[in-house]
Amino acid sequence: MLRHEIRPGRAVAGLVMLGLAAGYAADAAGAWHAPLTFFVALFTAGLWVSVLTTWAAYRIRRRRGGRTPSTENDVAPPSSSGSQAMR
């Protein structure tokens, strides 16, 4: 099974958006009345929390020392070594 990179910042942003959608739906149905400024503030705060979560996850990955970089590109490409004729 292929493993994929976990992105907690995207998960936080998705949960915030689901919360906003639920709040907007409740407001539209008349079950709850909230001013527009509440939704704007929640959206802004949610994006900031998402950014901070992404930053923290990045720092943790960097500290653990992920995969080592590839040594595949240590040599110059063939076109710059003079092995091909110039047109």
Protein backbone atom coordinates (compact mmCIF):
# COMPACT_ATOMS: atom_id res chain seq x y z
CA MET A 1 0.00 0.00 0.00
CA LEU A 2 1.38 3.39 -0.94
CA ARG A 3 1.85 5.84 1.88
CA HIS A 4 1.02 9.48 1.43
CA GLU A 5 2.09 12.60 3.23
CA ILE A 6 -0.27 13.71 5.98
CA ARG A 7 -1.29 17.35 5.72
CA PRO A 8 -2.90 18.44 8.99
CA GLY A 9 -3.27 22.06 7.87
CA ARG A 10 -5.59 21.02 5.06
CA ALA A 11 -7.59 18.91 7.50
CA VAL A 12 -8.02 21.89 9.83
CA ALA A 13 -9.04 24.13 6.92
CA GLY A 14 -11.57 21.52 5.78
CA LEU A 15 -13.09 21.25 9.24
CA VAL A 16 -13.37 25.02 9.47
CA MET A 17 -15.10 25.16 6.10
CA LEU A 18 -17.52 22.39 7.15
CA GLY A 19 -18.28 24.35 10.31
CA LEU A 20 -18.90 27.49 8.29
CA ALA A 21 -21.19 25.61 5.92
CA ALA A 22 -23.15 24.14 8.83
CA GLY A 23 -23.49 27.55 10.48
CA TYR A 24 -24.59 29.17 7.23
CA ALA A 25 -27.12 26.39 6.61
CA ALA A 26 -28.53 26.79 10.14
CA ASP A 27 -28.74 30.55 9.62
CA ALA A 28 -30.45 30.12 6.25
CA ALA A 29 -32.96 27.64 7.71
CA GLY A 30 -33.80 30.07 10.50
CA ALA A 31 -32.65 27.73 13.26
CA TRP A 32 -29.87 30.08 14.27
CA HIS A 33 -29.24 33.76 13.67
CA ALA A 34 -25.65 34.92 13.38
CA PRO A 35 -24.32 38.17 11.96
CA LEU A 36 -22.16 38.12 8.85
CA THR A 37 -19.18 39.42 10.85
CA PHE A 38 -19.23 36.19 12.88
CA PHE A 39 -18.71 34.12 9.71
CA VAL A 40 -15.97 36.42 8.44
CA ALA A 41 -14.15 36.27 11.79
CA LEU A 42 -14.49 32.48 11.96
CA PHE A 43 -13.20 32.14 8.40
CA THR A 44 -10.18 34.36 9.09
CA ALA A 45 -9.37 32.67 12.39
CA GLY A 46 -9.73 29.24 10.80
CA LEU A 47 -7.31 30.10 8.03
CA TRP A 48 -4.76 31.36 10.55
CA VAL A 49 -5.07 28.18 12.62
CA SER A 50 -4.61 26.20 9.42
CA VAL A 51 -1.47 28.17 8.56
CA LEU A 52 -0.04 27.66 12.04
CA THR A 53 -0.82 23.93 11.88
CA THR A 54 0.89 23.64 8.50
CA TRP A 55 3.93 25.53 9.79
CA ALA A 56 4.16 23.34 12.91
CA ALA A 57 3.88 20.15 10.85
CA TYR A 58 6.60 21.41 8.51
CA ARG A 59 8.93 22.18 11.40
CA ILE A 60 8.32 18.75 12.94
CA ARG A 61 9.05 17.01 9.62
CA ARG A 62 12.25 19.03 9.18
CA ARG A 63 13.42 18.28 12.71
CA ARG A 64 12.90 14.54 12.29
CA GLY A 65 15.12 14.55 9.22
CA GLY A 66 13.03 13.12 6.44
CA ARG A 67 14.40 11.43 3.38
CA THR A 68 17.86 12.30 2.15
CA PRO A 69 18.06 14.15 -1.15
CA SER A 70 18.69 12.16 -4.27
CA THR A 71 22.23 11.91 -5.67
CA GLU A 72 20.84 11.37 -9.12
CA ASN A 73 21.70 14.85 -10.44
CA ASP A 74 25.37 15.06 -9.47
CA VAL A 75 26.70 15.23 -13.03
CA ALA A 76 26.18 17.85 -15.70
CA PRO A 77 23.53 17.15 -18.35
CA PRO A 78 24.84 15.69 -21.64
CA SER A 79 23.90 18.79 -23.63
CA SER A 80 26.28 21.01 -21.63
CA SER A 81 29.26 18.65 -21.68
CA GLY A 82 30.01 19.16 -25.37
CA SER A 83 29.09 15.65 -26.45
CA GLN A 84 26.41 16.78 -28.90
CA ALA A 85 26.91 18.75 -32.10
CA MET A 86 25.78 22.36 -32.15
CA ARG A 87 23.20 23.29 -34.80
